[in-house]
């Protein structure tokens, strides 16, 4: 199975955090995901994975809503430690310092959350990302989140941009497109440049 580009490994991301090169970090949950989480049924207690989660404000919000099965995965230890410090009662066993592509847990999750992880990957890894998301989700499970719908011209390191046509080609073999449109409630700095996606894994 494909693993991360050596150039963007755990040491790379730890160094980005250590030198405050973390401009993608909004410092809070973004409005589109907050609105989506607010309408989820807590009583169903879905198994949720947030890969490449960074400081995981999404996991913090879900935890406070009462979701008990939220797993956070990231390469670097710093963002996981930041979540543990902010939310001391977040289950430590659900903080995974791990390579998303190496997770061997087929059909394990009901919901995967995407928030800036795709932009952190080398574009060449995106087909493998779509395939791994489908592999980890149970049939009918959903991939929900935000994707940058813009080009970061001549970017040689993350974040990398993309287009809706590009993303659609990656996801189409595995998912039904429930929602795939420009987000209406993005943070001001990202307004008009984010796709909100809700994709259902094909049965």
N, C-alpha and C. Protein backbone atom coordinates (compact mmCIF):
# COMPACT_ATOMS: atom_id res chain seq x y z
N UNK A 1 0.84 -1.19 0.00
CA UNK A 1 0.00 0.00 0.00
C UNK A 1 0.88 1.25 0.00
N UNK A 2 0.46 2.27 -0.75
CA UNK A 2 1.24 3.50 -0.82
C UNK A 2 1.30 4.17 0.54
N UNK A 3 2.47 4.72 0.88
CA UNK A 3 2.62 5.50 2.10
C UNK A 3 2.90 6.94 1.72
N UNK A 4 3.09 7.77 2.73
CA UNK A 4 3.27 9.19 2.49
C UNK A 4 4.56 9.47 1.73
N UNK A 5 4.57 10.59 1.00
CA UNK A 5 5.80 11.03 0.35
C UNK A 5 6.88 11.26 1.39
N UNK A 6 8.11 10.74 1.19
CA UNK A 6 9.16 10.91 2.18
C UNK A 6 9.41 12.38 2.53
N UNK A 7 9.16 13.27 1.58
CA UNK A 7 9.41 14.69 1.82
C UNK A 7 8.45 15.28 2.84
N UNK A 8 7.29 14.65 3.01
CA UNK A 8 6.26 15.18 3.90
C UNK A 8 5.91 14.16 4.97
N UNK A 9 6.95 13.67 5.66
CA UNK A 9 6.77 12.64 6.67
C UNK A 9 6.51 13.27 8.04
N UNK A 10 6.52 12.45 9.08
CA UNK A 10 6.21 12.93 10.42
C UNK A 10 7.17 14.03 10.86
N UNK A 11 8.45 13.89 10.55
CA UNK A 11 9.43 14.90 10.94
C UNK A 11 9.16 16.23 10.25
N UNK A 12 8.76 16.15 9.00
CA UNK A 12 8.43 17.38 8.25
C UNK A 12 7.29 18.13 8.93
N UNK A 13 6.23 17.39 9.27
CA UNK A 13 5.06 18.05 9.86
C UNK A 13 5.35 18.53 11.27
N UNK A 14 6.11 17.80 12.03
CA UNK A 14 6.48 18.25 13.37
C UNK A 14 7.26 19.56 13.27
N UNK A 15 8.15 19.66 12.30
CA UNK A 15 8.92 20.89 12.11
C UNK A 15 8.02 22.05 11.71
N UNK A 16 7.01 21.78 10.90
CA UNK A 16 6.08 22.84 10.52
C UNK A 16 5.37 23.40 11.75
N UNK A 17 4.93 22.53 12.62
CA UNK A 17 4.28 23.00 13.85
C UNK A 17 5.26 23.73 14.75
N UNK A 18 6.47 23.20 14.88
CA UNK A 18 7.45 23.79 15.79
C UNK A 18 7.87 25.18 15.37
N UNK A 19 7.80 25.47 14.07
CA UNK A 19 8.21 26.78 13.56
C UNK A 19 7.01 27.66 13.20
N UNK A 20 5.84 27.26 13.68
CA UNK A 20 4.60 28.04 13.47
C UNK A 20 4.27 28.25 12.00
N UNK A 21 4.67 27.30 11.15
CA UNK A 21 4.30 27.34 9.73
C UNK A 21 3.02 26.52 9.57
N UNK A 22 1.97 26.99 10.21
CA UNK A 22 0.72 26.25 10.27
C UNK A 22 -0.46 27.15 9.91
N UNK A 23 -0.31 27.88 8.83
CA UNK A 23 -1.33 28.84 8.42
C UNK A 23 -2.67 28.22 8.10
N UNK A 24 -2.72 26.91 7.87
CA UNK A 24 -3.99 26.24 7.61
C UNK A 24 -4.83 26.11 8.88
N UNK A 25 -4.20 26.29 10.03
CA UNK A 25 -4.87 26.08 11.31
C UNK A 25 -5.79 27.26 11.60
N UNK A 26 -7.10 27.03 11.56
CA UNK A 26 -8.07 28.11 11.77
C UNK A 26 -8.23 28.47 13.23
N UNK A 27 -7.73 27.64 14.13
CA UNK A 27 -7.85 27.90 15.55
C UNK A 27 -9.18 27.52 16.15
N UNK A 28 -10.06 26.98 15.34
CA UNK A 28 -11.41 26.57 15.78
C UNK A 28 -12.03 25.73 14.70
N UNK A 29 -13.12 25.09 15.02
CA UNK A 29 -13.84 24.34 14.00
C UNK A 29 -14.40 25.30 12.95
N UNK A 30 -14.38 24.90 11.69
CA UNK A 30 -14.89 25.77 10.64
C UNK A 30 -16.41 25.69 10.56
N UNK A 31 -17.07 26.77 10.14
CA UNK A 31 -18.53 26.80 10.16
C UNK A 31 -19.22 25.68 9.36
N UNK A 32 -18.74 25.29 8.17
CA UNK A 32 -19.45 24.23 7.45
C UNK A 32 -19.48 22.91 8.22
N UNK A 33 -18.37 22.55 8.85
CA UNK A 33 -18.35 21.29 9.60
C UNK A 33 -19.14 21.41 10.89
N UNK A 34 -19.09 22.57 11.53
CA UNK A 34 -19.89 22.76 12.74
C UNK A 34 -21.38 22.57 12.42
N UNK A 35 -21.82 23.16 11.31
CA UNK A 35 -23.23 23.02 10.93
C UNK A 35 -23.59 21.57 10.62
N UNK A 36 -22.68 20.86 9.98
CA UNK A 36 -22.95 19.45 9.68
C UNK A 36 -23.02 18.63 10.96
N UNK A 37 -22.09 18.83 11.86
CA UNK A 37 -22.08 18.06 13.10
C UNK A 37 -23.31 18.33 13.95
N UNK A 38 -23.81 19.56 13.90
CA UNK A 38 -24.96 19.92 14.73
C UNK A 38 -26.22 19.15 14.35
N UNK A 39 -26.26 18.61 13.14
CA UNK A 39 -27.47 17.87 12.74
C UNK A 39 -27.27 16.35 12.81
N UNK A 40 -26.11 15.89 13.27
CA UNK A 40 -25.90 14.45 13.43
C UNK A 40 -26.63 13.94 14.67
N UNK A 41 -27.04 12.69 14.63
CA UNK A 41 -27.75 12.08 15.76
C UNK A 41 -26.73 11.45 16.71
N UNK A 42 -26.56 12.06 17.88
CA UNK A 42 -25.61 11.55 18.86
C UNK A 42 -25.99 10.14 19.31
N UNK A 43 -27.28 9.88 19.41
CA UNK A 43 -27.74 8.58 19.94
C UNK A 43 -27.26 7.40 19.10
N UNK A 44 -26.95 7.65 17.82
CA UNK A 44 -26.50 6.55 16.97
C UNK A 44 -25.03 6.22 17.19
N UNK A 45 -24.28 7.12 17.78
CA UNK A 45 -22.87 6.92 18.12
C UNK A 45 -22.07 6.30 16.96
N UNK A 46 -21.98 6.98 15.83
CA UNK A 46 -21.19 6.46 14.72
C UNK A 46 -19.71 6.42 15.06
N UNK A 47 -19.00 5.52 14.40
CA UNK A 47 -17.53 5.48 14.50
C UNK A 47 -16.98 6.48 13.49
N UNK A 48 -16.22 7.45 13.98
CA UNK A 48 -15.76 8.58 13.19
C UNK A 48 -14.24 8.62 13.17
N UNK A 49 -13.66 8.80 11.99
CA UNK A 49 -12.22 8.96 11.84
C UNK A 49 -11.93 10.33 11.24
N UNK A 50 -10.98 11.05 11.84
CA UNK A 50 -10.51 12.32 11.29
C UNK A 50 -9.04 12.15 10.96
N UNK A 51 -8.70 11.87 9.69
CA UNK A 51 -7.30 11.65 9.33
C UNK A 51 -6.59 12.97 9.04
N UNK A 52 -5.28 13.00 9.30
CA UNK A 52 -4.54 14.24 9.08
C UNK A 52 -5.17 15.38 9.84
N UNK A 53 -5.54 15.11 11.09
CA UNK A 53 -6.46 15.98 11.82
C UNK A 53 -5.83 17.27 12.32
N UNK A 54 -4.50 17.35 12.34
CA UNK A 54 -3.90 18.54 12.92
C UNK A 54 -4.32 18.68 14.38
N UNK A 55 -4.63 19.89 14.79
CA UNK A 55 -5.00 20.12 16.19
C UNK A 55 -6.45 19.72 16.49
N UNK A 56 -7.15 19.26 15.48
CA UNK A 56 -8.39 18.49 15.65
C UNK A 56 -9.48 19.24 16.41
N UNK A 57 -9.77 20.46 15.98
CA UNK A 57 -10.89 21.19 16.57
C UNK A 57 -12.21 20.48 16.28
N UNK A 58 -12.25 19.74 15.17
CA UNK A 58 -13.46 18.98 14.83
C UNK A 58 -13.70 17.87 15.86
N UNK A 59 -12.63 17.18 16.25
CA UNK A 59 -12.76 16.13 17.26
C UNK A 59 -13.19 16.71 18.60
N UNK A 60 -12.63 17.85 18.95
CA UNK A 60 -13.01 18.52 20.20
C UNK A 60 -14.50 18.85 20.21
N UNK A 61 -14.99 19.38 19.09
CA UNK A 61 -16.40 19.75 19.01
C UNK A 61 -17.30 18.52 19.09
N UNK A 62 -16.96 17.49 18.35
CA UNK A 62 -17.74 16.26 18.39
C UNK A 62 -17.75 15.65 19.79
N UNK A 63 -16.62 15.67 20.45
CA UNK A 63 -16.53 15.13 21.81
C UNK A 63 -17.46 15.89 22.75
N UNK A 64 -17.47 17.20 22.62
CA UNK A 64 -18.33 18.01 23.49
C UNK A 64 -19.81 17.81 23.19
N UNK A 65 -20.12 17.42 21.95
CA UNK A 65 -21.50 17.10 21.60
C UNK A 65 -21.95 15.75 22.16
N UNK A 66 -20.98 14.93 22.57
CA UNK A 66 -21.32 13.63 23.15
C UNK A 66 -21.00 12.43 22.28
N UNK A 67 -20.29 12.64 21.18
CA UNK A 67 -19.89 11.51 20.34
C UNK A 67 -18.71 10.80 21.01
N UNK A 68 -18.86 9.49 21.19
CA UNK A 68 -17.92 8.72 22.00
C UNK A 68 -16.88 7.96 21.20
N UNK A 69 -17.09 7.82 19.90
CA UNK A 69 -16.20 6.98 19.10
C UNK A 69 -15.55 7.81 17.99
N UNK A 70 -14.78 8.81 18.41
CA UNK A 70 -14.09 9.70 17.48
C UNK A 70 -12.60 9.39 17.55
N UNK A 71 -12.02 9.01 16.43
CA UNK A 71 -10.59 8.69 16.35
C UNK A 71 -9.89 9.78 15.56
N UNK A 72 -8.78 10.25 16.10
CA UNK A 72 -7.97 11.29 15.48
C UNK A 72 -6.64 10.66 15.06
N UNK A 73 -6.26 10.85 13.80
CA UNK A 73 -5.00 10.31 13.31
C UNK A 73 -4.16 11.43 12.71
N UNK A 74 -2.89 11.48 13.09
CA UNK A 74 -1.98 12.46 12.51
C UNK A 74 -0.57 11.91 12.59
N UNK A 75 0.26 12.35 11.65
CA UNK A 75 1.66 11.94 11.63
C UNK A 75 2.45 12.49 12.81
N UNK A 76 2.22 13.77 13.10
CA UNK A 76 3.09 14.47 14.06
C UNK A 76 2.53 14.40 15.47
N UNK A 77 3.39 14.30 16.48
CA UNK A 77 2.90 14.24 17.86
C UNK A 77 2.36 15.56 18.39
N UNK A 78 2.87 16.70 17.90
CA UNK A 78 2.48 17.99 18.47
C UNK A 78 0.99 18.25 18.43
N UNK A 79 0.31 18.09 17.28
CA UNK A 79 -1.12 18.38 17.28
C UNK A 79 -1.94 17.43 18.14
N UNK A 80 -1.51 16.18 18.24
CA UNK A 80 -2.21 15.25 19.11
C UNK A 80 -2.06 15.67 20.57
N UNK A 81 -0.86 16.12 20.93
CA UNK A 81 -0.64 16.61 22.30
C UNK A 81 -1.46 17.86 22.56
N UNK A 82 -1.62 18.70 21.55
CA UNK A 82 -2.42 19.92 21.71
C UNK A 82 -3.88 19.58 22.00
N UNK A 83 -4.42 18.59 21.29
CA UNK A 83 -5.80 18.17 21.55
C UNK A 83 -5.92 17.59 22.95
N UNK A 84 -4.98 16.75 23.35
CA UNK A 84 -5.03 16.14 24.68
C UNK A 84 -4.97 17.20 25.77
N UNK A 85 -4.22 18.27 25.53
CA UNK A 85 -4.12 19.34 26.53
C UNK A 85 -5.41 20.15 26.60
N UNK A 86 -6.03 20.40 25.44
CA UNK A 86 -7.28 21.18 25.43
C UNK A 86 -8.45 20.40 25.99
N UNK A 87 -8.44 19.08 25.73
CA UNK A 87 -9.58 18.23 26.09
C UNK A 87 -9.04 17.04 26.88
N UNK A 88 -8.77 17.22 28.17
CA UNK A 88 -8.11 16.17 28.96
C UNK A 88 -8.89 14.86 29.02
N UNK A 89 -10.22 14.92 28.85
CA UNK A 89 -11.00 13.68 28.94
C UNK A 89 -11.23 13.03 27.59
N UNK A 90 -10.57 13.55 26.54
CA UNK A 90 -10.66 12.88 25.24
C UNK A 90 -9.93 11.53 25.37
N UNK A 91 -10.53 10.42 24.91
CA UNK A 91 -9.92 9.10 25.11
C UNK A 91 -8.52 9.01 24.49
N UNK A 92 -7.53 8.73 25.30
CA UNK A 92 -6.15 8.67 24.81
C UNK A 92 -5.97 7.57 23.78
N UNK A 93 -6.75 6.48 23.92
CA UNK A 93 -6.63 5.39 22.95
C UNK A 93 -7.14 5.77 21.57
N UNK A 94 -7.82 6.91 21.46
CA UNK A 94 -8.33 7.36 20.18
C UNK A 94 -7.47 8.46 19.56
N UNK A 95 -6.27 8.66 20.12
CA UNK A 95 -5.29 9.57 19.55
C UNK A 95 -4.20 8.72 18.88
N UNK A 96 -4.22 8.68 17.58
CA UNK A 96 -3.33 7.79 16.84
C UNK A 96 -2.26 8.60 16.11
N UNK A 97 -1.00 8.40 16.47
CA UNK A 97 0.08 8.94 15.65
C UNK A 97 0.37 7.88 14.61
N UNK A 98 -0.11 8.13 13.40
CA UNK A 98 -0.11 7.06 12.40
C UNK A 98 -0.14 7.63 10.99
N UNK A 99 0.31 6.80 10.06
CA UNK A 99 0.22 7.07 8.63
C UNK A 99 -1.15 6.61 8.16
N UNK A 100 -1.96 7.52 7.70
CA UNK A 100 -3.31 7.20 7.22
C UNK A 100 -3.29 6.06 6.21
N UNK A 101 -2.33 6.08 5.31
CA UNK A 101 -2.29 5.09 4.24
C UNK A 101 -1.92 3.70 4.74
N UNK A 102 -1.36 3.62 5.94
CA UNK A 102 -0.98 2.33 6.50
C UNK A 102 -2.05 1.73 7.41
N UNK A 103 -3.14 2.44 7.64
CA UNK A 103 -4.20 1.91 8.49
C UNK A 103 -4.86 0.72 7.79
N UNK A 104 -4.86 -0.41 8.45
CA UNK A 104 -5.41 -1.63 7.87
C UNK A 104 -6.67 -2.02 8.64
N UNK A 105 -7.73 -1.24 8.42
CA UNK A 105 -8.97 -1.40 9.18
C UNK A 105 -10.17 -1.32 8.23
N UNK A 106 -10.29 -2.26 7.32
CA UNK A 106 -11.38 -2.16 6.34
C UNK A 106 -12.76 -2.17 6.99
N UNK A 107 -13.65 -1.35 6.43
CA UNK A 107 -15.06 -1.29 6.85
C UNK A 107 -15.22 -0.97 8.32
N UNK A 108 -14.33 -0.13 8.87
CA UNK A 108 -14.32 0.12 10.31
C UNK A 108 -15.08 1.37 10.74
N UNK A 109 -15.34 2.31 9.81
CA UNK A 109 -15.87 3.60 10.21
C UNK A 109 -17.17 3.93 9.47
N UNK A 110 -18.01 4.69 10.16
CA UNK A 110 -19.25 5.17 9.56
C UNK A 110 -19.08 6.52 8.89
N UNK A 111 -18.10 7.27 9.36
CA UNK A 111 -17.93 8.65 8.90
C UNK A 111 -16.45 9.02 8.92
N UNK A 112 -15.94 9.56 7.82
CA UNK A 112 -14.61 10.14 7.75
C UNK A 112 -14.76 11.63 7.53
N UNK A 113 -13.96 12.42 8.26
CA UNK A 113 -14.03 13.87 8.17
C UNK A 113 -12.77 14.39 7.48
N UNK A 114 -12.97 15.22 6.47
CA UNK A 114 -11.88 15.82 5.71
C UNK A 114 -11.81 17.32 6.02
N UNK A 115 -10.67 17.75 6.56
CA UNK A 115 -10.44 19.17 6.83
C UNK A 115 -8.96 19.48 6.62
N UNK A 116 -8.62 19.91 5.43
CA UNK A 116 -7.27 20.30 4.98
C UNK A 116 -6.29 19.15 4.80
N UNK A 117 -6.71 17.90 5.01
CA UNK A 117 -5.78 16.79 4.85
C UNK A 117 -5.39 16.61 3.39
N UNK A 118 -6.35 16.67 2.49
CA UNK A 118 -6.04 16.49 1.07
C UNK A 118 -5.03 17.53 0.60
N UNK A 119 -5.15 18.76 1.08
CA UNK A 119 -4.21 19.80 0.66
C UNK A 119 -2.81 19.58 1.23
N UNK A 120 -2.71 18.73 2.26
CA UNK A 120 -1.40 18.41 2.84
C UNK A 120 -0.70 17.29 2.10
N UNK A 121 -1.42 16.57 1.27
CA UNK A 121 -0.85 15.44 0.54
C UNK A 121 -0.29 15.91 -0.79
N UNK A 122 0.79 15.26 -1.21
CA UNK A 122 1.26 15.50 -2.58
C UNK A 122 0.14 15.09 -3.53
N UNK A 123 -0.14 15.89 -4.56
CA UNK A 123 -1.25 15.56 -5.47
C UNK A 123 -1.19 14.15 -6.03
N UNK A 124 0.01 13.59 -6.15
CA UNK A 124 0.12 12.24 -6.66
C UNK A 124 -0.45 11.19 -5.73
N UNK A 125 -0.68 11.55 -4.47
CA UNK A 125 -1.24 10.62 -3.51
C UNK A 125 -2.77 10.64 -3.46
N UNK A 126 -3.39 11.56 -4.17
CA UNK A 126 -4.83 11.73 -4.03
C UNK A 126 -5.65 10.55 -4.52
N UNK A 127 -5.29 9.88 -5.61
CA UNK A 127 -6.06 8.67 -5.96
C UNK A 127 -6.00 7.62 -4.84
N UNK A 128 -4.84 7.46 -4.22
CA UNK A 128 -4.71 6.50 -3.12
C UNK A 128 -5.51 6.96 -1.90
N UNK A 129 -5.60 8.26 -1.69
CA UNK A 129 -6.41 8.79 -0.59
C UNK A 129 -7.87 8.40 -0.78
N UNK A 130 -8.40 8.62 -1.97
CA UNK A 130 -9.80 8.27 -2.23
C UNK A 130 -10.05 6.78 -2.01
N UNK A 131 -9.13 5.97 -2.49
CA UNK A 131 -9.28 4.52 -2.35
C UNK A 131 -9.21 4.10 -0.88
N UNK A 132 -8.30 4.71 -0.11
CA UNK A 132 -8.16 4.36 1.30
C UNK A 132 -9.39 4.81 2.10
N UNK A 133 -9.92 5.98 1.79
CA UNK A 133 -11.16 6.41 2.45
C UNK A 133 -12.26 5.38 2.23
N UNK A 134 -12.42 4.94 0.99
CA UNK A 134 -13.46 3.95 0.69
C UNK A 134 -13.19 2.64 1.42
N UNK A 135 -11.95 2.26 1.50
CA UNK A 135 -11.59 1.00 2.17
C UNK A 135 -11.92 1.04 3.66
N UNK A 136 -11.68 2.18 4.30
CA UNK A 136 -11.89 2.29 5.74
C UNK A 136 -13.36 2.43 6.12
N UNK A 137 -14.17 2.95 5.21
CA UNK A 137 -15.58 3.15 5.49
C UNK A 137 -16.38 1.87 5.27
N UNK A 138 -17.38 1.68 6.11
CA UNK A 138 -18.32 0.58 5.88
C UNK A 138 -19.17 0.93 4.65
N UNK A 139 -19.78 -0.05 4.00
CA UNK A 139 -20.68 0.25 2.89
C UNK A 139 -21.78 1.21 3.33
N UNK A 140 -21.97 2.27 2.57
CA UNK A 140 -22.93 3.29 2.93
C UNK A 140 -22.38 4.37 3.84
N UNK A 141 -21.14 4.19 4.33
CA UNK A 141 -20.51 5.20 5.16
C UNK A 141 -20.22 6.46 4.36
N UNK A 142 -19.93 7.54 5.06
CA UNK A 142 -19.80 8.83 4.39
C UNK A 142 -18.43 9.48 4.62
N UNK A 143 -17.97 10.16 3.58
CA UNK A 143 -16.82 11.03 3.63
C UNK A 143 -17.35 12.45 3.53
N UNK A 144 -17.11 13.26 4.56
CA UNK A 144 -17.68 14.60 4.64
C UNK A 144 -16.58 15.59 4.97
N UNK A 145 -16.61 16.74 4.31
CA UNK A 145 -15.64 17.75 4.68
C UNK A 145 -15.48 18.83 3.64
N UNK A 146 -14.31 19.46 3.66
CA UNK A 146 -14.02 20.61 2.82
C UNK A 146 -12.75 20.37 2.02
N UNK A 147 -12.77 20.82 0.77
CA UNK A 147 -11.62 20.73 -0.12
C UNK A 147 -11.37 22.10 -0.72
N UNK A 148 -10.11 22.50 -0.82
CA UNK A 148 -9.79 23.76 -1.47
C UNK A 148 -10.10 23.67 -2.96
N UNK A 149 -10.90 24.60 -3.45
CA UNK A 149 -11.24 24.67 -4.87
C UNK A 149 -10.51 25.87 -5.47
N UNK A 150 -9.21 25.76 -5.49
CA UNK A 150 -8.39 26.84 -6.02
C UNK A 150 -6.99 26.29 -6.28
N UNK A 151 -6.24 27.03 -7.10
CA UNK A 151 -4.87 26.64 -7.44
C UNK A 151 -3.90 27.46 -6.62
N UNK A 152 -2.99 26.78 -5.92
CA UNK A 152 -1.89 27.47 -5.26
C UNK A 152 -0.71 27.40 -6.23
N UNK A 153 -0.56 28.43 -7.02
CA UNK A 153 0.35 28.43 -8.15
C UNK A 153 1.77 28.06 -7.75
N UNK A 154 2.30 27.07 -8.45
CA UNK A 154 3.69 26.64 -8.31
C UNK A 154 4.04 26.21 -6.89
N UNK A 155 3.09 25.69 -6.16
CA UNK A 155 3.38 25.21 -4.81
C UNK A 155 4.30 24.01 -4.88
N UNK A 156 5.36 24.03 -4.08
CA UNK A 156 6.29 22.90 -4.01
C UNK A 156 6.18 22.16 -2.69
N UNK A 157 5.39 22.67 -1.77
CA UNK A 157 5.10 22.00 -0.52
C UNK A 157 3.69 22.38 -0.09
N UNK A 158 3.11 21.63 0.85
CA UNK A 158 1.73 21.91 1.26
C UNK A 158 1.57 23.34 1.79
N UNK A 159 0.36 23.92 1.57
CA UNK A 159 -0.84 23.28 1.00
C UNK A 159 -0.83 23.27 -0.52
N UNK A 160 -1.41 22.21 -1.08
CA UNK A 160 -1.60 22.08 -2.52
C UNK A 160 -3.07 22.29 -2.84
N UNK A 161 -3.33 23.00 -3.92
CA UNK A 161 -4.71 23.26 -4.33
C UNK A 161 -5.26 22.16 -5.22
N UNK A 162 -6.43 22.44 -5.78
CA UNK A 162 -7.07 21.47 -6.66
C UNK A 162 -8.37 22.04 -7.20
N UNK A 163 -9.04 21.24 -8.01
CA UNK A 163 -10.29 21.69 -8.63
C UNK A 163 -11.36 20.63 -8.44
N UNK A 164 -12.62 21.04 -8.57
CA UNK A 164 -13.70 20.08 -8.37
C UNK A 164 -13.67 18.96 -9.41
N UNK A 165 -13.26 19.28 -10.63
CA UNK A 165 -13.18 18.23 -11.65
C UNK A 165 -12.13 17.20 -11.28
N UNK A 166 -11.00 17.66 -10.78
CA UNK A 166 -9.93 16.75 -10.36
C UNK A 166 -10.43 15.84 -9.23
N UNK A 167 -11.01 16.44 -8.19
CA UNK A 167 -11.49 15.66 -7.06
C UNK A 167 -12.56 14.66 -7.47
N UNK A 168 -13.47 15.11 -8.32
CA UNK A 168 -14.56 14.23 -8.74
C UNK A 168 -14.02 12.97 -9.41
N UNK A 169 -12.97 13.11 -10.19
CA UNK A 169 -12.40 11.95 -10.87
C UNK A 169 -11.82 10.94 -9.86
N UNK A 170 -11.26 11.42 -8.76
CA UNK A 170 -10.70 10.52 -7.75
C UNK A 170 -11.80 9.75 -7.01
N UNK A 171 -12.89 10.44 -6.69
CA UNK A 171 -13.91 9.85 -5.83
C UNK A 171 -14.96 9.03 -6.57
N UNK A 172 -15.16 9.32 -7.84
CA UNK A 172 -16.26 8.70 -8.58
C UNK A 172 -16.25 7.17 -8.58
N UNK A 173 -15.10 6.49 -8.60
CA UNK A 173 -15.15 5.02 -8.61
C UNK A 173 -15.68 4.40 -7.32
N UNK A 174 -15.71 5.17 -6.24
CA UNK A 174 -16.00 4.58 -4.93
C UNK A 174 -17.24 5.16 -4.24
N UNK A 175 -17.68 6.36 -4.68
CA UNK A 175 -18.67 7.08 -3.90
C UNK A 175 -19.83 7.60 -4.76
N UNK A 176 -20.98 7.69 -4.12
CA UNK A 176 -22.12 8.45 -4.64
C UNK A 176 -21.98 9.88 -4.12
N UNK A 177 -22.21 10.86 -4.99
CA UNK A 177 -22.05 12.26 -4.63
C UNK A 177 -23.38 12.79 -4.08
N UNK A 178 -23.47 12.89 -2.77
CA UNK A 178 -24.68 13.43 -2.13
C UNK A 178 -24.65 14.95 -2.19
N UNK A 179 -23.50 15.52 -1.91
CA UNK A 179 -23.33 16.98 -1.97
C UNK A 179 -21.90 17.26 -2.41
N UNK A 180 -21.74 18.17 -3.36
CA UNK A 180 -20.42 18.46 -3.90
C UNK A 180 -20.47 19.86 -4.50
N UNK A 181 -20.57 20.86 -3.63
CA UNK A 181 -20.80 22.23 -4.07
C UNK A 181 -19.96 23.21 -3.26
N UNK A 182 -19.83 24.42 -3.79
CA UNK A 182 -19.12 25.48 -3.06
C UNK A 182 -19.79 25.71 -1.72
N UNK A 183 -19.00 25.75 -0.66
CA UNK A 183 -19.54 25.99 0.67
C UNK A 183 -20.11 27.39 0.75
N UNK A 184 -21.26 27.54 1.39
CA UNK A 184 -21.91 28.85 1.50
C UNK A 184 -21.53 29.56 2.79
N UNK A 185 -20.89 28.86 3.72
CA UNK A 185 -20.61 29.42 5.04
C UNK A 185 -19.16 29.24 5.46
N UNK A 186 -18.26 29.38 4.50
CA UNK A 186 -16.82 29.27 4.79
C UNK A 186 -16.35 30.41 5.67
N UNK A 187 -15.20 30.23 6.29
CA UNK A 187 -14.52 31.35 6.92
C UNK A 187 -14.27 32.43 5.86
N UNK A 188 -14.30 33.71 6.24
CA UNK A 188 -14.16 34.77 5.23
C UNK A 188 -12.95 34.63 4.32
N UNK A 189 -11.81 34.23 4.87
CA UNK A 189 -10.60 34.13 4.05
C UNK A 189 -10.69 33.02 3.01
N UNK A 190 -11.63 32.09 3.20
CA UNK A 190 -11.75 30.94 2.29
C UNK A 190 -13.04 31.00 1.47
N UNK A 191 -13.80 32.04 1.62
CA UNK A 191 -15.10 32.13 0.95
C UNK A 191 -14.95 32.03 -0.56
N UNK A 192 -15.78 31.17 -1.15
CA UNK A 192 -15.77 30.98 -2.59
C UNK A 192 -14.70 30.03 -3.09
N UNK A 193 -13.85 29.54 -2.19
CA UNK A 193 -12.74 28.68 -2.60
C UNK A 193 -12.73 27.34 -1.88
N UNK A 194 -13.88 26.94 -1.35
CA UNK A 194 -13.98 25.65 -0.68
C UNK A 194 -15.17 24.88 -1.23
N UNK A 195 -14.96 23.59 -1.46
CA UNK A 195 -16.06 22.68 -1.76
C UNK A 195 -16.47 21.98 -0.48
N UNK A 196 -17.78 21.97 -0.22
CA UNK A 196 -18.29 21.12 0.85
C UNK A 196 -18.73 19.81 0.21
N UNK A 197 -18.19 18.69 0.70
CA UNK A 197 -18.50 17.40 0.10
C UNK A 197 -19.17 16.49 1.12
N UNK A 198 -20.13 15.75 0.62
CA UNK A 198 -20.73 14.67 1.39
C UNK A 198 -20.89 13.50 0.41
N UNK A 199 -20.05 12.50 0.56
CA UNK A 199 -19.98 11.38 -0.36
C UNK A 199 -20.34 10.10 0.36
N UNK A 200 -21.18 9.29 -0.25
CA UNK A 200 -21.61 8.01 0.35
C UNK A 200 -20.90 6.86 -0.37
N UNK A 201 -20.26 6.01 0.42
CA UNK A 201 -19.57 4.86 -0.17
C UNK A 201 -20.56 3.95 -0.87
N UNK A 202 -20.21 3.56 -2.08
CA UNK A 202 -21.08 2.67 -2.87
C UNK A 202 -21.22 1.31 -2.19
N UNK A 203 -22.39 0.75 -2.28
CA UNK A 203 -22.64 -0.56 -1.66
C UNK A 203 -22.03 -1.68 -2.49
